[in-house]
Amino acid sequence: VADLIRSSNCCAAYTGAGLSKAAGINDYATKASDSVVTGRRITSVFDAQPTYAHQCLVELERKGYLKHYVQQNHDGLPQKAGFPQWKMNEIHGAWYDPSNPVVGIEDGLRDDLYGWLLEMEKKA
C-alpha cells in the first residue's frame, strides 16, 4: 500500500462510518452489534475526537501524498484532526458546515460535490 501511495499522482481517500466507530460514533450503516471495533464512550457525537485513522490521513496530506478526501460521515473529525477543509468533499453533508446540510438516504447528492467526486475519480 505504501508503494502505491508513494507512486500515485493523485491519491484520494474515500471513507465511511467505520472510520469513526473507534471515536464512539455508532456505525449507522450496519448497526453491527457484534462488531470487533470498540470505541470510546461518549455522551454526544459532538464530543467525539479524531481517531488514529483520522490522524494518519492528516499526516498523509501534510506530507503531500493525499490530495483529496471524500468522506461519507458528517462528524467533522477529519477537520478536528487538522485536515484542510478545501481538500474535503463531505459528499453526504456536514454537521459543522451550514452551507452543506446533511442529506437523507432518499435525497440526492449535491451536483457540485458529486461532480467533484467524479473529477477526482478521473485523476486518481
N, C-alpha and C. Protein backbone atom coordinates (compact mmCIF):
# COMPACT_ATOMS: atom_id res chain seq x y z
N VAL A 1 0.83 -1.19 0.00
CA VAL A 1 0.00 0.00 0.00
C VAL A 1 0.88 1.26 0.00
N ALA A 2 1.93 1.23 0.80
CA ALA A 2 2.82 2.39 0.87
C ALA A 2 3.41 2.72 -0.50
N ASP A 3 3.82 1.68 -1.24
CA ASP A 3 4.38 1.92 -2.59
C ASP A 3 3.34 2.51 -3.53
N LEU A 4 2.10 2.03 -3.44
CA LEU A 4 1.03 2.60 -4.27
C LEU A 4 0.80 4.07 -3.95
N ILE A 5 0.79 4.40 -2.67
CA ILE A 5 0.57 5.79 -2.25
C ILE A 5 1.72 6.67 -2.74
N ARG A 6 2.94 6.19 -2.55
CA ARG A 6 4.12 6.98 -2.98
C ARG A 6 4.14 7.20 -4.48
N SER A 7 3.71 6.23 -5.25
CA SER A 7 3.78 6.33 -6.71
C SER A 7 2.55 7.01 -7.34
N SER A 8 1.55 7.30 -6.54
CA SER A 8 0.32 7.89 -7.06
C SER A 8 0.52 9.36 -7.43
N ASN A 9 -0.11 9.77 -8.52
CA ASN A 9 -0.12 11.18 -8.89
C ASN A 9 -1.22 11.95 -8.19
N CYS A 10 -2.29 11.25 -7.82
CA CYS A 10 -3.43 11.91 -7.17
C CYS A 10 -4.12 10.93 -6.23
N CYS A 11 -3.49 10.67 -5.10
CA CYS A 11 -4.04 9.74 -4.11
C CYS A 11 -5.27 10.36 -3.45
N ALA A 12 -6.34 9.59 -3.39
CA ALA A 12 -7.58 10.05 -2.77
C ALA A 12 -8.05 9.02 -1.75
N ALA A 13 -8.64 9.49 -0.67
CA ALA A 13 -9.24 8.60 0.34
C ALA A 13 -10.75 8.73 0.24
N TYR A 14 -11.43 7.61 0.44
CA TYR A 14 -12.89 7.58 0.44
C TYR A 14 -13.28 6.76 1.65
N THR A 15 -13.82 7.41 2.67
CA THR A 15 -14.10 6.70 3.92
C THR A 15 -15.58 6.80 4.30
N GLY A 16 -15.96 5.89 5.18
CA GLY A 16 -17.33 5.85 5.66
C GLY A 16 -17.39 5.69 7.17
N ALA A 17 -18.50 5.17 7.64
CA ALA A 17 -18.82 5.14 9.07
C ALA A 17 -17.81 4.36 9.90
N GLY A 18 -17.20 3.34 9.36
CA GLY A 18 -16.27 2.54 10.14
C GLY A 18 -15.08 3.33 10.65
N LEU A 19 -14.71 4.39 9.96
CA LEU A 19 -13.55 5.17 10.36
C LEU A 19 -13.78 5.90 11.69
N SER A 20 -15.02 6.23 11.99
CA SER A 20 -15.31 7.00 13.21
C SER A 20 -15.83 6.13 14.35
N LYS A 21 -15.97 4.84 14.13
CA LYS A 21 -16.50 3.96 15.17
C LYS A 21 -15.63 3.97 16.42
N ALA A 22 -14.31 3.97 16.23
CA ALA A 22 -13.40 3.98 17.38
C ALA A 22 -13.48 5.29 18.17
N ALA A 23 -14.08 6.33 17.57
CA ALA A 23 -14.26 7.61 18.27
C ALA A 23 -15.53 7.60 19.11
N GLY A 24 -16.30 6.50 19.02
CA GLY A 24 -17.53 6.39 19.80
C GLY A 24 -18.78 6.72 19.02
N ILE A 25 -18.65 6.92 17.73
CA ILE A 25 -19.81 7.21 16.89
C ILE A 25 -20.29 5.89 16.29
N ASN A 26 -21.54 5.57 16.52
CA ASN A 26 -22.08 4.30 16.04
C ASN A 26 -21.99 4.17 14.53
N ASP A 27 -21.84 2.95 14.08
CA ASP A 27 -21.83 2.62 12.66
C ASP A 27 -23.29 2.50 12.23
N TYR A 28 -23.83 3.58 11.72
CA TYR A 28 -25.26 3.61 11.39
C TYR A 28 -25.59 2.77 10.16
N ALA A 29 -24.59 2.51 9.34
CA ALA A 29 -24.85 1.76 8.11
C ALA A 29 -25.17 0.30 8.39
N THR A 30 -24.49 -0.30 9.35
CA THR A 30 -24.68 -1.73 9.60
C THR A 30 -25.34 -2.04 10.92
N LYS A 31 -25.29 -1.12 11.87
CA LYS A 31 -25.81 -1.37 13.22
C LYS A 31 -25.25 -2.68 13.78
N ALA A 32 -23.98 -2.92 13.54
CA ALA A 32 -23.34 -4.18 13.91
C ALA A 32 -23.18 -4.32 15.41
N SER A 33 -24.02 -5.14 16.02
CA SER A 33 -23.94 -5.35 17.46
C SER A 33 -22.77 -6.26 17.83
N ASP A 34 -22.30 -7.06 16.89
CA ASP A 34 -21.20 -7.98 17.17
C ASP A 34 -19.88 -7.48 16.60
N SER A 35 -19.77 -6.18 16.33
CA SER A 35 -18.56 -5.62 15.75
C SER A 35 -17.37 -5.81 16.69
N VAL A 36 -16.21 -6.10 16.12
CA VAL A 36 -15.00 -6.24 16.91
C VAL A 36 -14.37 -4.89 17.23
N VAL A 37 -14.86 -3.84 16.60
CA VAL A 37 -14.33 -2.50 16.85
C VAL A 37 -14.98 -1.94 18.10
N THR A 38 -14.16 -1.58 19.05
CA THR A 38 -14.68 -0.94 20.25
C THR A 38 -14.24 0.51 20.23
N GLY A 39 -15.05 1.36 20.77
CA GLY A 39 -14.73 2.77 20.73
C GLY A 39 -14.85 3.40 22.10
N ARG A 40 -14.54 4.66 22.13
CA ARG A 40 -14.68 5.43 23.35
C ARG A 40 -16.16 5.56 23.67
N ARG A 41 -16.45 5.76 24.91
CA ARG A 41 -17.82 6.04 25.33
C ARG A 41 -17.99 7.55 25.36
N ILE A 42 -18.93 8.06 24.58
CA ILE A 42 -19.18 9.49 24.55
C ILE A 42 -20.66 9.73 24.83
N THR A 43 -20.96 10.90 25.36
CA THR A 43 -22.36 11.23 25.64
C THR A 43 -23.02 11.94 24.47
N SER A 44 -22.22 12.55 23.61
CA SER A 44 -22.74 13.23 22.44
C SER A 44 -21.76 13.03 21.28
N VAL A 45 -22.29 12.83 20.08
CA VAL A 45 -21.41 12.68 18.92
C VAL A 45 -20.57 13.94 18.69
N PHE A 46 -21.03 15.06 19.18
CA PHE A 46 -20.30 16.31 19.01
C PHE A 46 -19.06 16.38 19.92
N ASP A 47 -18.98 15.47 20.91
CA ASP A 47 -17.82 15.39 21.79
C ASP A 47 -16.75 14.44 21.24
N ALA A 48 -17.04 13.75 20.15
CA ALA A 48 -16.10 12.76 19.60
C ALA A 48 -14.80 13.43 19.20
N GLN A 49 -13.72 12.68 19.34
CA GLN A 49 -12.39 13.14 18.97
C GLN A 49 -11.84 12.28 17.83
N PRO A 50 -10.96 12.82 17.02
CA PRO A 50 -10.41 12.07 15.90
C PRO A 50 -9.71 10.78 16.36
N THR A 51 -9.76 9.79 15.51
CA THR A 51 -9.10 8.51 15.78
C THR A 51 -7.70 8.52 15.18
N TYR A 52 -6.96 7.45 15.43
CA TYR A 52 -5.65 7.32 14.80
C TYR A 52 -5.77 7.32 13.29
N ALA A 53 -6.84 6.74 12.77
CA ALA A 53 -7.04 6.71 11.31
C ALA A 53 -7.18 8.13 10.76
N HIS A 54 -7.94 8.98 11.44
CA HIS A 54 -8.07 10.38 11.01
C HIS A 54 -6.71 11.07 11.03
N GLN A 55 -5.95 10.82 12.08
CA GLN A 55 -4.63 11.45 12.22
C GLN A 55 -3.67 10.96 11.13
N CYS A 56 -3.78 9.68 10.76
CA CYS A 56 -2.93 9.16 9.68
C CYS A 56 -3.26 9.82 8.35
N LEU A 57 -4.55 10.03 8.07
CA LEU A 57 -4.94 10.71 6.84
C LEU A 57 -4.42 12.14 6.81
N VAL A 58 -4.46 12.81 7.94
CA VAL A 58 -3.93 14.17 8.03
C VAL A 58 -2.43 14.16 7.75
N GLU A 59 -1.72 13.21 8.31
CA GLU A 59 -0.27 13.14 8.09
C GLU A 59 0.06 12.84 6.63
N LEU A 60 -0.72 11.97 6.00
CA LEU A 60 -0.52 11.71 4.56
C LEU A 60 -0.72 12.98 3.74
N GLU A 61 -1.71 13.78 4.13
CA GLU A 61 -1.95 15.05 3.41
C GLU A 61 -0.80 16.02 3.66
N ARG A 62 -0.35 16.13 4.90
CA ARG A 62 0.73 17.07 5.23
C ARG A 62 2.03 16.73 4.49
N LYS A 63 2.25 15.45 4.28
CA LYS A 63 3.46 15.03 3.58
C LYS A 63 3.31 15.09 2.06
N GLY A 64 2.12 15.50 1.59
CA GLY A 64 1.90 15.69 0.17
C GLY A 64 1.40 14.48 -0.59
N TYR A 65 1.07 13.41 0.11
CA TYR A 65 0.61 12.19 -0.58
C TYR A 65 -0.88 12.20 -0.85
N LEU A 66 -1.67 12.61 0.10
CA LEU A 66 -3.14 12.57 -0.04
C LEU A 66 -3.63 13.90 -0.60
N LYS A 67 -4.19 13.85 -1.79
CA LYS A 67 -4.60 15.07 -2.49
C LYS A 67 -6.08 15.39 -2.30
N HIS A 68 -6.88 14.40 -1.95
CA HIS A 68 -8.32 14.59 -1.91
C HIS A 68 -8.93 13.59 -0.95
N TYR A 69 -9.97 14.01 -0.26
CA TYR A 69 -10.61 13.15 0.73
C TYR A 69 -12.12 13.26 0.58
N VAL A 70 -12.77 12.15 0.26
CA VAL A 70 -14.23 12.08 0.20
C VAL A 70 -14.68 11.37 1.46
N GLN A 71 -15.47 12.05 2.24
CA GLN A 71 -15.97 11.47 3.50
C GLN A 71 -17.48 11.35 3.44
N GLN A 72 -17.99 10.18 3.81
CA GLN A 72 -19.43 9.96 3.87
C GLN A 72 -20.00 10.33 5.24
N ASN A 73 -19.14 10.51 6.22
CA ASN A 73 -19.59 10.86 7.58
C ASN A 73 -19.90 12.35 7.65
N HIS A 74 -20.60 12.72 8.69
CA HIS A 74 -20.96 14.13 8.90
C HIS A 74 -20.22 14.72 10.10
N ASP A 75 -19.33 13.96 10.70
CA ASP A 75 -18.86 14.21 12.06
C ASP A 75 -17.78 15.27 12.25
N GLY A 76 -17.14 15.74 11.20
CA GLY A 76 -16.12 16.78 11.33
C GLY A 76 -14.82 16.30 11.95
N LEU A 77 -14.66 15.00 12.15
CA LEU A 77 -13.45 14.50 12.81
C LEU A 77 -12.18 14.72 11.97
N PRO A 78 -12.22 14.61 10.64
CA PRO A 78 -11.00 14.92 9.89
C PRO A 78 -10.54 16.37 10.10
N GLN A 79 -11.50 17.29 10.13
CA GLN A 79 -11.15 18.69 10.34
C GLN A 79 -10.61 18.89 11.76
N LYS A 80 -11.22 18.23 12.75
CA LYS A 80 -10.71 18.33 14.13
C LYS A 80 -9.28 17.81 14.21
N ALA A 81 -8.95 16.83 13.36
CA ALA A 81 -7.59 16.27 13.34
C ALA A 81 -6.62 17.17 12.58
N GLY A 82 -7.16 18.14 11.81
CA GLY A 82 -6.31 19.07 11.07
C GLY A 82 -6.36 18.94 9.56
N PHE A 83 -7.29 18.13 9.03
CA PHE A 83 -7.37 18.01 7.57
C PHE A 83 -7.96 19.29 7.00
N PRO A 84 -7.35 19.84 5.93
CA PRO A 84 -7.84 21.10 5.36
C PRO A 84 -9.22 20.94 4.71
N GLN A 85 -10.11 21.84 5.04
CA GLN A 85 -11.48 21.79 4.54
C GLN A 85 -11.52 21.86 3.01
N TRP A 86 -10.65 22.61 2.40
CA TRP A 86 -10.70 22.79 0.95
C TRP A 86 -10.34 21.54 0.18
N LYS A 87 -9.75 20.53 0.84
CA LYS A 87 -9.46 19.25 0.18
C LYS A 87 -10.49 18.18 0.55
N MET A 88 -11.52 18.57 1.27
CA MET A 88 -12.50 17.64 1.82
C MET A 88 -13.81 17.73 1.04
N ASN A 89 -14.32 16.59 0.63
CA ASN A 89 -15.63 16.50 -0.01
C ASN A 89 -16.53 15.72 0.93
N GLU A 90 -17.36 16.41 1.67
CA GLU A 90 -18.30 15.77 2.59
C GLU A 90 -19.57 15.49 1.80
N ILE A 91 -19.52 14.41 1.04
CA ILE A 91 -20.49 14.09 -0.01
C ILE A 91 -21.92 13.96 0.51
N HIS A 92 -22.11 13.58 1.78
CA HIS A 92 -23.45 13.42 2.34
C HIS A 92 -23.84 14.55 3.27
N GLY A 93 -23.05 15.61 3.28
CA GLY A 93 -23.35 16.75 4.14
C GLY A 93 -22.47 16.76 5.38
N ALA A 94 -22.61 17.83 6.17
CA ALA A 94 -21.74 18.01 7.33
C ALA A 94 -22.49 18.66 8.49
N TRP A 95 -22.20 18.19 9.70
CA TRP A 95 -22.81 18.78 10.89
C TRP A 95 -22.26 20.18 11.17
N TYR A 96 -21.01 20.43 10.80
CA TYR A 96 -20.35 21.68 11.17
C TYR A 96 -20.31 22.70 10.05
N ASP A 97 -20.94 22.42 8.94
CA ASP A 97 -20.91 23.34 7.80
C ASP A 97 -22.33 23.66 7.36
N PRO A 98 -22.87 24.80 7.77
CA PRO A 98 -24.25 25.14 7.42
C PRO A 98 -24.49 25.25 5.91
N SER A 99 -23.43 25.46 5.13
CA SER A 99 -23.60 25.55 3.68
C SER A 99 -23.71 24.17 3.03
N ASN A 100 -23.51 23.12 3.82
CA ASN A 100 -23.56 21.75 3.29
C ASN A 100 -24.44 20.89 4.21
N PRO A 101 -25.75 21.08 4.17
CA PRO A 101 -26.62 20.32 5.08
C PRO A 101 -26.58 18.82 4.78
N VAL A 102 -26.77 18.04 5.83
CA VAL A 102 -26.79 16.59 5.72
C VAL A 102 -27.97 16.16 4.85
N VAL A 103 -27.70 15.24 3.93
CA VAL A 103 -28.76 14.72 3.05
C VAL A 103 -29.23 13.37 3.57
N GLY A 104 -30.53 13.12 3.45
CA GLY A 104 -31.09 11.85 3.85
C GLY A 104 -30.79 10.76 2.84
N ILE A 105 -31.05 9.53 3.24
CA ILE A 105 -30.78 8.39 2.37
C ILE A 105 -31.56 8.50 1.07
N GLU A 106 -32.75 9.02 1.12
CA GLU A 106 -33.60 9.13 -0.07
C GLU A 106 -33.32 10.39 -0.88
N ASP A 107 -32.56 11.32 -0.31
CA ASP A 107 -32.27 12.58 -1.00
C ASP A 107 -31.12 12.39 -2.00
N GLY A 108 -31.06 13.26 -2.96
CA GLY A 108 -29.97 13.22 -3.92
C GLY A 108 -28.75 13.96 -3.39
N LEU A 109 -27.61 13.68 -3.99
CA LEU A 109 -26.38 14.37 -3.62
C LEU A 109 -26.33 15.73 -4.31
N ARG A 110 -25.59 16.65 -3.72
CA ARG A 110 -25.39 17.95 -4.36
C ARG A 110 -24.63 17.75 -5.65
N ASP A 111 -25.07 18.40 -6.70
CA ASP A 111 -24.44 18.27 -8.01
C ASP A 111 -22.97 18.65 -7.99
N ASP A 112 -22.63 19.73 -7.26
CA ASP A 112 -21.24 20.18 -7.26
C ASP A 112 -20.33 19.18 -6.55
N LEU A 113 -20.79 18.60 -5.44
CA LEU A 113 -19.97 17.63 -4.73
C LEU A 113 -19.85 16.32 -5.50
N TYR A 114 -20.93 15.92 -6.14
CA TYR A 114 -20.88 14.71 -6.96
C TYR A 114 -19.96 14.91 -8.16
N GLY A 115 -20.02 16.08 -8.77
CA GLY A 115 -19.13 16.40 -9.88
C GLY A 115 -17.67 16.38 -9.45
N TRP A 116 -17.40 16.92 -8.25
CA TRP A 116 -16.05 16.93 -7.71
C TRP A 116 -15.56 15.50 -7.50
N LEU A 117 -16.44 14.66 -7.00
CA LEU A 117 -16.10 13.24 -6.80
C LEU A 117 -15.72 12.59 -8.12
N LEU A 118 -16.49 12.82 -9.16
CA LEU A 118 -16.20 12.24 -10.47
C LEU A 118 -14.89 12.78 -11.06
N GLU A 119 -14.64 14.07 -10.83
CA GLU A 119 -13.39 14.69 -11.31
C GLU A 119 -12.19 14.05 -10.63
N MET A 120 -12.27 13.84 -9.32
CA MET A 120 -11.17 13.21 -8.59
C MET A 120 -10.99 11.75 -8.99
N GLU A 121 -12.10 11.08 -9.32
CA GLU A 121 -12.00 9.69 -9.76
C GLU A 121 -11.16 9.59 -11.04
N LYS A 122 -11.34 10.53 -11.94
CA LYS A 122 -10.57 10.53 -13.18
C LYS A 122 -9.09 10.77 -12.91
N LYS A 123 -8.78 11.66 -11.96
CA LYS A 123 -7.39 11.98 -11.64
C LYS A 123 -6.70 10.84 -10.89
N ALA A 124 -7.47 10.15 -10.07
CA ALA A 124 -6.88 9.05 -9.27
C ALA A 124 -6.63 7.88 -10.15
